[in-house]
Amino acid sequence: MAIRNIRKEGDPLLRKKSKVVPEVTDRIKVLLDDMAETMYEADGVGLAAPQVGILKRVIVVDPHDETTGLVKLVNPEIIEADGEQVGVEGCLSIPNFNATVKRPEHVKVKYIDEDGNEKIWDAHGFPAVILSHEIDHLDGILFRDKSIEEVKYDN
């Protein structure tokens, strides 16, 4: 496993649409492992492949709750979304910037796991926010694009 460089806002790759992964290969598994290690090293809760310079539909998520743990998703797709929640978000690709964003309270995400099995994650609350945020990355969308207002902190 290896720590990969996280691309920052302004990098044109972050605005491109990622390609579907035709099959889960050993290279994809290495990418997933590297992304997880990179996410943890950066103290994040999610990371999308474009953020490490790879235009593949791959994300890793860990909401740090009691039940979920690390989830590696290949070709994630939101197949259902409802409700609404508004909260403050940040992004490893936009350091030192937080903004209020409106997201669905519930998302149902279809994906392939690292063993090639199709799965569905029925996520509510914070995990739904993370999934929505990371899947946006796969379509070249940054959370700043959806921000309601910038959050200012007094130092």
N, C-alpha and C. Protein backbone atom coordinates (compact mmCIF):
# COMPACT_ATOMS: atom_id res chain seq x y z
N MET A 1 0.84 -1.18 0.00
CA MET A 1 0.00 0.00 0.00
C MET A 1 0.88 1.24 0.00
N ALA A 2 0.31 2.32 -0.53
CA ALA A 2 1.08 3.55 -0.65
C ALA A 2 0.18 4.76 -0.46
N ILE A 3 0.77 5.80 0.07
CA ILE A 3 0.07 7.08 0.19
C ILE A 3 0.19 7.79 -1.16
N ARG A 4 -0.93 8.20 -1.70
CA ARG A 4 -0.92 8.90 -2.99
C ARG A 4 -1.13 10.40 -2.77
N ASN A 5 -0.68 11.20 -3.73
CA ASN A 5 -0.86 12.64 -3.66
C ASN A 5 -2.32 12.99 -3.94
N ILE A 6 -2.86 13.88 -3.12
CA ILE A 6 -4.24 14.32 -3.31
C ILE A 6 -4.24 15.58 -4.18
N ARG A 7 -4.98 15.51 -5.27
CA ARG A 7 -5.09 16.66 -6.18
C ARG A 7 -5.89 17.77 -5.50
N LYS A 8 -5.50 19.00 -5.77
CA LYS A 8 -6.15 20.16 -5.16
C LYS A 8 -7.01 20.90 -6.19
N GLU A 9 -7.97 21.65 -5.67
CA GLU A 9 -8.85 22.46 -6.53
C GLU A 9 -8.00 23.27 -7.49
N GLY A 10 -8.44 23.35 -8.73
CA GLY A 10 -7.67 24.01 -9.77
C GLY A 10 -7.04 23.00 -10.71
N ASP A 11 -6.84 21.78 -10.23
CA ASP A 11 -6.34 20.70 -11.09
C ASP A 11 -7.47 20.32 -12.04
N PRO A 12 -7.26 20.42 -13.36
CA PRO A 12 -8.34 20.15 -14.32
C PRO A 12 -8.88 18.72 -14.24
N LEU A 13 -8.10 17.79 -13.76
CA LEU A 13 -8.55 16.40 -13.66
C LEU A 13 -9.76 16.27 -12.72
N LEU A 14 -9.83 17.13 -11.70
CA LEU A 14 -10.95 17.07 -10.75
C LEU A 14 -12.28 17.45 -11.38
N ARG A 15 -12.25 18.05 -12.56
CA ARG A 15 -13.47 18.48 -13.24
C ARG A 15 -13.89 17.53 -14.36
N LYS A 16 -13.18 16.43 -14.50
CA LYS A 16 -13.50 15.47 -15.56
C LYS A 16 -14.40 14.35 -15.03
N LYS A 17 -15.15 13.74 -15.93
CA LYS A 17 -16.02 12.61 -15.58
C LYS A 17 -15.19 11.32 -15.59
N SER A 18 -15.36 10.52 -14.56
CA SER A 18 -14.61 9.26 -14.44
C SER A 18 -15.25 8.16 -15.27
N LYS A 19 -14.41 7.19 -15.65
CA LYS A 19 -14.87 6.07 -16.48
C LYS A 19 -15.30 4.88 -15.61
N VAL A 20 -16.30 4.16 -16.10
CA VAL A 20 -16.78 2.95 -15.44
C VAL A 20 -15.66 1.91 -15.43
N VAL A 21 -15.57 1.17 -14.34
CA VAL A 21 -14.58 0.10 -14.21
C VAL A 21 -15.23 -1.18 -14.73
N PRO A 22 -14.69 -1.77 -15.83
CA PRO A 22 -15.33 -2.95 -16.41
C PRO A 22 -15.25 -4.20 -15.54
N GLU A 23 -14.16 -4.33 -14.75
CA GLU A 23 -14.05 -5.46 -13.83
C GLU A 23 -13.08 -5.10 -12.71
N VAL A 24 -13.26 -5.76 -11.58
CA VAL A 24 -12.38 -5.52 -10.44
C VAL A 24 -11.13 -6.39 -10.61
N THR A 25 -10.04 -5.74 -10.96
CA THR A 25 -8.76 -6.42 -11.18
C THR A 25 -7.86 -6.21 -9.97
N ASP A 26 -6.70 -6.85 -9.99
CA ASP A 26 -5.72 -6.65 -8.92
C ASP A 26 -5.29 -5.19 -8.85
N ARG A 27 -5.18 -4.54 -10.01
CA ARG A 27 -4.80 -3.11 -10.03
C ARG A 27 -5.85 -2.24 -9.34
N ILE A 28 -7.12 -2.57 -9.54
CA ILE A 28 -8.20 -1.83 -8.89
C ILE A 28 -8.15 -2.07 -7.38
N LYS A 29 -7.86 -3.30 -6.98
CA LYS A 29 -7.75 -3.61 -5.54
C LYS A 29 -6.60 -2.84 -4.90
N VAL A 30 -5.47 -2.72 -5.60
CA VAL A 30 -4.34 -1.94 -5.09
C VAL A 30 -4.75 -0.47 -4.98
N LEU A 31 -5.45 0.04 -6.00
CA LEU A 31 -5.93 1.42 -5.97
C LEU A 31 -6.83 1.64 -4.75
N LEU A 32 -7.77 0.74 -4.51
CA LEU A 32 -8.67 0.84 -3.36
C LEU A 32 -7.89 0.86 -2.04
N ASP A 33 -6.91 -0.03 -1.91
CA ASP A 33 -6.09 -0.07 -0.70
C ASP A 33 -5.30 1.23 -0.52
N ASP A 34 -4.68 1.70 -1.61
CA ASP A 34 -3.92 2.95 -1.55
C ASP A 34 -4.82 4.13 -1.19
N MET A 35 -6.01 4.15 -1.78
CA MET A 35 -6.95 5.24 -1.49
C MET A 35 -7.37 5.23 -0.02
N ALA A 36 -7.61 4.05 0.52
CA ALA A 36 -7.98 3.96 1.94
C ALA A 36 -6.85 4.47 2.82
N GLU A 37 -5.63 4.03 2.53
CA GLU A 37 -4.48 4.48 3.31
C GLU A 37 -4.30 5.99 3.19
N THR A 38 -4.46 6.53 1.99
CA THR A 38 -4.34 7.96 1.75
C THR A 38 -5.41 8.73 2.51
N MET A 39 -6.65 8.24 2.47
CA MET A 39 -7.76 8.88 3.18
C MET A 39 -7.48 8.93 4.68
N TYR A 40 -7.06 7.81 5.25
CA TYR A 40 -6.78 7.78 6.69
C TYR A 40 -5.61 8.70 7.06
N GLU A 41 -4.57 8.70 6.23
CA GLU A 41 -3.40 9.55 6.48
C GLU A 41 -3.80 11.02 6.49
N ALA A 42 -4.77 11.40 5.64
CA ALA A 42 -5.22 12.79 5.53
C ALA A 42 -6.35 13.10 6.51
N ASP A 43 -6.73 12.11 7.32
CA ASP A 43 -7.80 12.27 8.31
C ASP A 43 -9.14 12.59 7.65
N GLY A 44 -9.41 11.90 6.54
CA GLY A 44 -10.67 12.09 5.84
C GLY A 44 -11.66 10.98 6.13
N VAL A 45 -12.89 11.16 5.61
CA VAL A 45 -13.94 10.15 5.76
C VAL A 45 -14.36 9.57 4.42
N GLY A 46 -13.79 10.11 3.33
CA GLY A 46 -14.09 9.61 2.00
C GLY A 46 -13.04 10.11 1.02
N LEU A 47 -12.86 9.35 -0.05
CA LEU A 47 -11.90 9.75 -1.09
C LEU A 47 -12.34 9.11 -2.40
N ALA A 48 -12.29 9.90 -3.47
CA ALA A 48 -12.64 9.42 -4.81
C ALA A 48 -11.38 9.32 -5.65
N ALA A 49 -11.36 8.36 -6.57
CA ALA A 49 -10.18 8.14 -7.39
C ALA A 49 -9.67 9.39 -8.12
N PRO A 50 -10.55 10.26 -8.65
CA PRO A 50 -10.02 11.47 -9.30
C PRO A 50 -9.17 12.34 -8.36
N GLN A 51 -9.44 12.25 -7.08
CA GLN A 51 -8.67 13.04 -6.12
C GLN A 51 -7.22 12.56 -6.02
N VAL A 52 -6.96 11.34 -6.47
CA VAL A 52 -5.57 10.84 -6.50
C VAL A 52 -5.10 10.67 -7.95
N GLY A 53 -5.79 11.34 -8.88
CA GLY A 53 -5.33 11.40 -10.25
C GLY A 53 -5.76 10.26 -11.15
N ILE A 54 -6.76 9.47 -10.73
CA ILE A 54 -7.21 8.33 -11.51
C ILE A 54 -8.68 8.54 -11.90
N LEU A 55 -8.95 8.59 -13.19
CA LEU A 55 -10.33 8.82 -13.66
C LEU A 55 -11.11 7.51 -13.78
N LYS A 56 -11.29 6.85 -12.66
CA LYS A 56 -12.08 5.61 -12.57
C LYS A 56 -13.18 5.84 -11.54
N ARG A 57 -14.31 5.15 -11.71
CA ARG A 57 -15.45 5.30 -10.80
C ARG A 57 -15.23 4.41 -9.57
N VAL A 58 -14.37 4.91 -8.69
CA VAL A 58 -13.98 4.18 -7.49
C VAL A 58 -13.93 5.16 -6.32
N ILE A 59 -14.53 4.78 -5.19
CA ILE A 59 -14.45 5.60 -3.98
C ILE A 59 -14.21 4.71 -2.76
N VAL A 60 -13.69 5.31 -1.71
CA VAL A 60 -13.61 4.65 -0.40
C VAL A 60 -14.27 5.58 0.62
N VAL A 61 -14.94 4.96 1.59
CA VAL A 61 -15.71 5.72 2.57
C VAL A 61 -15.55 5.06 3.94
N ASP A 62 -15.37 5.88 4.96
CA ASP A 62 -15.42 5.39 6.34
C ASP A 62 -16.03 6.48 7.21
N PRO A 63 -17.32 6.34 7.54
CA PRO A 63 -17.98 7.37 8.35
C PRO A 63 -17.58 7.36 9.83
N HIS A 64 -16.70 6.45 10.20
CA HIS A 64 -16.21 6.35 11.58
C HIS A 64 -17.37 6.20 12.58
N ASP A 65 -18.36 5.38 12.22
CA ASP A 65 -19.43 5.10 13.17
C ASP A 65 -19.25 3.68 13.73
N GLU A 66 -20.13 3.31 14.62
CA GLU A 66 -19.99 2.02 15.32
C GLU A 66 -20.27 0.83 14.42
N THR A 67 -21.01 1.04 13.34
CA THR A 67 -21.47 -0.11 12.55
C THR A 67 -20.83 -0.27 11.18
N THR A 68 -20.33 0.80 10.57
CA THR A 68 -19.95 0.73 9.17
C THR A 68 -18.51 0.33 8.92
N GLY A 69 -17.56 1.14 9.34
CA GLY A 69 -16.16 0.88 9.02
C GLY A 69 -15.86 1.25 7.57
N LEU A 70 -14.72 0.79 7.07
CA LEU A 70 -14.27 1.11 5.72
C LEU A 70 -15.11 0.35 4.68
N VAL A 71 -15.59 1.09 3.67
CA VAL A 71 -16.31 0.49 2.55
C VAL A 71 -15.62 0.94 1.26
N LYS A 72 -15.32 -0.04 0.40
CA LYS A 72 -14.68 0.23 -0.89
C LYS A 72 -15.73 0.00 -1.97
N LEU A 73 -15.98 1.04 -2.78
CA LEU A 73 -17.07 0.98 -3.76
C LEU A 73 -16.53 1.19 -5.18
N VAL A 74 -16.87 0.27 -6.06
CA VAL A 74 -16.52 0.37 -7.47
C VAL A 74 -17.81 0.63 -8.24
N ASN A 75 -17.78 1.60 -9.14
CA ASN A 75 -18.95 2.00 -9.94
C ASN A 75 -20.17 2.33 -9.08
N PRO A 76 -19.99 3.13 -8.01
CA PRO A 76 -21.14 3.47 -7.18
C PRO A 76 -22.13 4.35 -7.95
N GLU A 77 -23.40 4.09 -7.71
CA GLU A 77 -24.47 4.82 -8.40
C GLU A 77 -25.62 5.03 -7.43
N ILE A 78 -26.05 6.28 -7.29
CA ILE A 78 -27.21 6.56 -6.44
C ILE A 78 -28.45 6.16 -7.22
N ILE A 79 -29.19 5.18 -6.69
CA ILE A 79 -30.38 4.69 -7.39
C ILE A 79 -31.66 5.21 -6.73
N GLU A 80 -31.50 5.81 -5.55
CA GLU A 80 -32.65 6.38 -4.85
C GLU A 80 -32.13 7.43 -3.89
N ALA A 81 -32.84 8.55 -3.79
CA ALA A 81 -32.46 9.60 -2.84
C ALA A 81 -33.72 10.32 -2.39
N ASP A 82 -33.80 10.61 -1.09
CA ASP A 82 -34.93 11.38 -0.60
C ASP A 82 -34.56 12.08 0.70
N GLY A 83 -35.47 12.93 1.12
CA GLY A 83 -35.23 13.71 2.32
C GLY A 83 -34.23 14.82 2.05
N GLU A 84 -33.90 15.53 3.12
CA GLU A 84 -32.98 16.66 2.98
C GLU A 84 -32.27 16.89 4.31
N GLN A 85 -31.00 17.20 4.20
CA GLN A 85 -30.23 17.61 5.37
C GLN A 85 -29.25 18.68 4.92
N VAL A 86 -29.01 19.62 5.81
CA VAL A 86 -28.09 20.71 5.52
C VAL A 86 -26.99 20.66 6.56
N GLY A 87 -25.75 20.68 6.10
CA GLY A 87 -24.64 20.61 7.04
C GLY A 87 -23.38 21.19 6.44
N VAL A 88 -22.36 21.30 7.29
CA VAL A 88 -21.07 21.85 6.89
C VAL A 88 -20.22 20.72 6.34
N GLU A 89 -19.61 20.96 5.18
CA GLU A 89 -18.72 19.97 4.55
C GLU A 89 -17.35 20.58 4.31
N GLY A 90 -16.39 19.69 4.20
CA GLY A 90 -15.05 20.04 3.79
C GLY A 90 -14.62 19.01 2.76
N CYS A 91 -13.42 19.18 2.22
CA CYS A 91 -12.95 18.26 1.19
C CYS A 91 -11.42 18.25 1.21
N LEU A 92 -10.84 17.06 1.09
CA LEU A 92 -9.39 16.94 1.08
C LEU A 92 -8.77 17.65 -0.12
N SER A 93 -9.56 17.87 -1.19
CA SER A 93 -9.05 18.57 -2.37
C SER A 93 -9.23 20.08 -2.30
N ILE A 94 -9.94 20.56 -1.27
CA ILE A 94 -10.11 22.00 -1.07
C ILE A 94 -9.76 22.31 0.38
N PRO A 95 -8.46 22.30 0.70
CA PRO A 95 -8.07 22.50 2.09
C PRO A 95 -8.45 23.89 2.61
N ASN A 96 -8.70 23.95 3.91
CA ASN A 96 -9.00 25.22 4.59
C ASN A 96 -10.24 25.92 4.06
N PHE A 97 -11.20 25.14 3.57
CA PHE A 97 -12.47 25.71 3.11
C PHE A 97 -13.59 24.79 3.54
N ASN A 98 -14.60 25.38 4.17
CA ASN A 98 -15.80 24.65 4.55
C ASN A 98 -17.00 25.45 4.08
N ALA A 99 -18.07 24.75 3.76
CA ALA A 99 -19.29 25.42 3.31
C ALA A 99 -20.50 24.59 3.71
N THR A 100 -21.63 25.27 3.82
CA THR A 100 -22.89 24.61 4.10
C THR A 100 -23.46 24.08 2.79
N VAL A 101 -23.87 22.81 2.81
CA VAL A 101 -24.35 22.14 1.60
C VAL A 101 -25.64 21.39 1.93
N LYS A 102 -26.59 21.39 0.98
CA LYS A 102 -27.83 20.63 1.12
C LYS A 102 -27.65 19.30 0.41
N ARG A 103 -27.90 18.22 1.12
CA ARG A 103 -27.77 16.86 0.59
C ARG A 103 -29.03 16.05 0.93
N PRO A 104 -29.23 14.91 0.26
CA PRO A 104 -30.33 14.02 0.66
C PRO A 104 -30.07 13.43 2.05
N GLU A 105 -31.12 13.18 2.79
CA GLU A 105 -30.97 12.54 4.11
C GLU A 105 -30.75 11.04 3.93
N HIS A 106 -31.26 10.52 2.81
CA HIS A 106 -31.18 9.08 2.56
C HIS A 106 -30.77 8.85 1.10
N VAL A 107 -29.81 7.97 0.90
CA VAL A 107 -29.46 7.53 -0.46
C VAL A 107 -29.34 6.00 -0.46
N LYS A 108 -29.74 5.43 -1.58
CA LYS A 108 -29.52 4.00 -1.81
C LYS A 108 -28.50 3.94 -2.94
N VAL A 109 -27.36 3.32 -2.65
CA VAL A 109 -26.25 3.29 -3.61
C VAL A 109 -25.98 1.84 -4.02
N LYS A 110 -26.01 1.62 -5.34
CA LYS A 110 -25.65 0.32 -5.90
C LYS A 110 -24.18 0.39 -6.28
N TYR A 111 -23.42 -0.65 -5.95
CA TYR A 111 -21.99 -0.66 -6.25
C TYR A 111 -21.49 -2.09 -6.33
N ILE A 112 -20.22 -2.21 -6.73
CA ILE A 112 -19.54 -3.51 -6.74
C ILE A 112 -18.46 -3.45 -5.67
N ASP A 113 -18.38 -4.48 -4.84
CA ASP A 113 -17.34 -4.50 -3.81
C ASP A 113 -16.02 -5.01 -4.39
N GLU A 114 -14.98 -5.04 -3.57
CA GLU A 114 -13.65 -5.41 -4.07
C GLU A 114 -13.56 -6.88 -4.50
N ASP A 115 -14.56 -7.67 -4.15
CA ASP A 115 -14.59 -9.07 -4.58
C ASP A 115 -15.44 -9.28 -5.84
N GLY A 116 -15.96 -8.17 -6.40
CA GLY A 116 -16.74 -8.25 -7.62
C GLY A 116 -18.23 -8.51 -7.40
N ASN A 117 -18.69 -8.43 -6.14
CA ASN A 117 -20.10 -8.68 -5.84
C ASN A 117 -20.90 -7.38 -5.89
N GLU A 118 -22.08 -7.44 -6.51
CA GLU A 118 -22.96 -6.27 -6.52
C GLU A 118 -23.63 -6.13 -5.16
N LYS A 119 -23.63 -4.90 -4.64
CA LYS A 119 -24.21 -4.64 -3.32
C LYS A 119 -25.04 -3.38 -3.38
N ILE A 120 -25.86 -3.20 -2.35
CA ILE A 120 -26.62 -1.97 -2.19
C ILE A 120 -26.39 -1.46 -0.77
N TRP A 121 -26.07 -0.18 -0.66
CA TRP A 121 -25.89 0.46 0.65
C TRP A 121 -27.05 1.42 0.82
N ASP A 122 -27.87 1.15 1.83
CA ASP A 122 -29.01 2.00 2.18
C ASP A 122 -28.52 2.92 3.29
N ALA A 123 -28.11 4.13 2.93
CA ALA A 123 -27.43 5.02 3.88
C ALA A 123 -28.31 6.21 4.27
N HIS A 124 -28.24 6.53 5.55
CA HIS A 124 -28.97 7.68 6.10
C HIS A 124 -27.97 8.58 6.83
N GLY A 125 -28.32 9.86 6.95
CA GLY A 125 -27.51 10.77 7.75
C GLY A 125 -26.12 11.01 7.16
N PHE A 126 -25.11 10.98 8.05
CA PHE A 126 -23.74 11.30 7.64
C PHE A 126 -23.21 10.40 6.52
N PRO A 127 -23.40 9.07 6.57
CA PRO A 127 -22.94 8.24 5.45
C PRO A 127 -23.57 8.66 4.11
N ALA A 128 -24.83 9.10 4.12
CA ALA A 128 -25.49 9.57 2.89
C ALA A 128 -24.79 10.81 2.34
N VAL A 129 -24.36 11.69 3.26
CA VAL A 129 -23.63 12.90 2.85
C VAL A 129 -22.31 12.51 2.20
N ILE A 130 -21.56 11.62 2.85
CA ILE A 130 -20.25 11.22 2.32
C ILE A 130 -20.40 10.58 0.94
N LEU A 131 -21.35 9.67 0.81
CA LEU A 131 -21.55 9.00 -0.48
C LEU A 131 -21.92 10.01 -1.57
N SER A 132 -22.81 10.92 -1.27
CA SER A 132 -23.21 11.94 -2.25
C SER A 132 -22.02 12.79 -2.66
N HIS A 133 -21.22 13.20 -1.67
CA HIS A 133 -20.03 14.04 -1.92
C HIS A 133 -19.02 13.30 -2.80
N GLU A 134 -18.72 12.07 -2.47
CA GLU A 134 -17.70 11.31 -3.22
C GLU A 134 -18.19 10.94 -4.61
N ILE A 135 -19.45 10.57 -4.76
CA ILE A 135 -19.99 10.24 -6.08
C ILE A 135 -19.99 11.48 -6.97
N ASP A 136 -20.24 12.66 -6.38
CA ASP A 136 -20.12 13.91 -7.15
C ASP A 136 -18.73 14.03 -7.76
N HIS A 137 -17.69 13.69 -6.99
CA HIS A 137 -16.32 13.76 -7.51
C HIS A 137 -16.17 12.95 -8.81
N LEU A 138 -16.86 11.83 -8.90
CA LEU A 138 -16.76 10.97 -10.08
C LEU A 138 -17.34 11.63 -11.33
N ASP A 139 -18.16 12.66 -11.11
CA ASP A 139 -18.76 13.40 -12.22
C ASP A 139 -18.14 14.78 -12.38
N GLY A 140 -17.01 15.03 -11.71
CA GLY A 140 -16.32 16.30 -11.84
C GLY A 140 -16.96 17.44 -11.07
N ILE A 141 -17.77 17.11 -10.08
CA ILE A 141 -18.46 18.12 -9.27
C ILE A 141 -17.77 18.23 -7.91
N LEU A 142 -17.46 19.46 -7.51
CA LEU A 142 -16.89 19.71 -6.18
C LEU A 142 -17.98 20.28 -5.28
N PHE A 143 -17.85 20.04 -3.97
CA PHE A 143 -18.89 20.49 -3.05
C PHE A 143 -19.05 22.00 -3.07
N ARG A 144 -18.00 22.72 -3.43
CA ARG A 144 -18.09 24.18 -3.53
C ARG A 144 -19.18 24.57 -4.54
N ASP A 145 -19.39 23.74 -5.57
CA ASP A 145 -20.41 24.01 -6.59
C ASP A 145 -21.81 23.98 -6.00
N LYS A 146 -21.99 23.25 -4.92
CA LYS A 146 -23.31 23.07 -4.32
C LYS A 146 -23.46 23.84 -3.00
N SER A 147 -22.46 24.64 -2.65
CA SER A 147 -22.49 25.29 -1.34
C SER A 147 -23.57 26.36 -1.28
N ILE A 148 -24.20 26.41 -0.13
CA ILE A 148 -25.23 27.42 0.15
C ILE A 148 -24.53 28.68 0.66
N GLU A 149 -23.56 28.47 1.55
CA GLU A 149 -22.77 29.60 2.06
C GLU A 149 -21.44 29.09 2.59
N GLU A 150 -20.42 29.94 2.46
CA GLU A 150 -19.11 29.62 3.00
C GLU A 150 -19.17 29.75 4.51
N VAL A 151 -18.47 28.89 5.21
CA VAL A 151 -18.40 28.94 6.67
C VAL A 151 -17.10 29.62 7.06
N LYS A 152 -17.21 30.68 7.83
CA LYS A 152 -16.01 31.41 8.27
C LYS A 152 -15.75 31.07 9.73
N TYR A 153 -14.48 30.85 10.02
CA TYR A 153 -14.07 30.54 11.39
C TYR A 153 -13.18 31.64 11.89
N ASP A 154 -13.35 32.00 13.15
CA ASP A 154 -12.46 32.97 13.78
C ASP A 154 -11.24 32.22 14.31
N ASN A 155 -10.06 32.69 13.96
CA ASN A 155 -8.85 32.01 14.42
C ASN A 155 -8.31 32.71 15.65
